[in-house]
Amino acid sequence: MSLLDVRGLVAGHGAVAVLHDVTLAVGEGEIVAVIGPNGAGKTTLLRTVAGVLAPTRGGMVFAGRPIAGEPAHRMVRHGVVLVPEGRRIFADQSVRANLELGAVSHGRRDVTAVLDRFPALRPRLDDIAGTLSGGQQQMLAIARGLMARPRLLLLDEPSLGLAPRLVRETFEVVRDIRGQGVSVLLVEQLAAQALRVADRGYVLDRGRVVAEGPAARLAADPRVAEAYLGRPAP
């Protein structure tokens, strides 16, 4: 059963269209990866689904509710939460304050549940968030998103700027989130790693979906491997 359905989406910045007739779906309890080159429109897609950008044309349905054009604060209340590229934490606020800000839409301020999932943050609760390492800041950004109790978490380049060990840990967190019943729409430049963690995937290029299917099948497709995964076609 689809949690999110996007049909014929056209969106961009002002009069400049970035997405052209994009159609995709995310099922309940599913990880869906969106891969593609820089400038393909991946971040624009997430920002449109999250309500940060308004679509020019097309439809979006979330949990049976039409959502195209809904503003971001209403999308959060519906259960769609964006963790933006570059972490975007409040660097001058404490770790605790960052987490509590994630719960503003529903008033919950108990951080216990997310600290059980991100134990490295527990001893840093009263520290200023900007003093955390890059990996800890990424965990904080994801934890803040989970404080909003999402049904669908939109992750934009969660591995950006992280060391290889931290990249592996981040993708393990993504698997764990799905295990807790949260669906994930994942945009990721590390395409091979994204397809390994995902159930299904879409390839976005120049604002259009040029390939889609089960993640394992996309990873094995020689055309996808050569064009988007950095591997020569057999």
Foldseek 3Di string as FASTA:
>chain_A
DFQKWWFQWWFDDPPDTQAGGATDTFHWLFEEEEEEDPSLCPLVVLCQLQQVTATPDTWMAGNNRTCHNPHNLVSLVVFEFEQEPPLPFPQQAFLLVSQQVLQVSPRDSDLVVLCVLVVVCVVRRGPRLNVDDPLVSLSSSVSSPCSSVHLEYEYEASCPPHDPVSSVVVLVSVLVVSVVGHYYYYYHLQLVSSLVSGQKYFYGGSNYTPDIDGSVVLCLDQVNCVRRNVDHRD
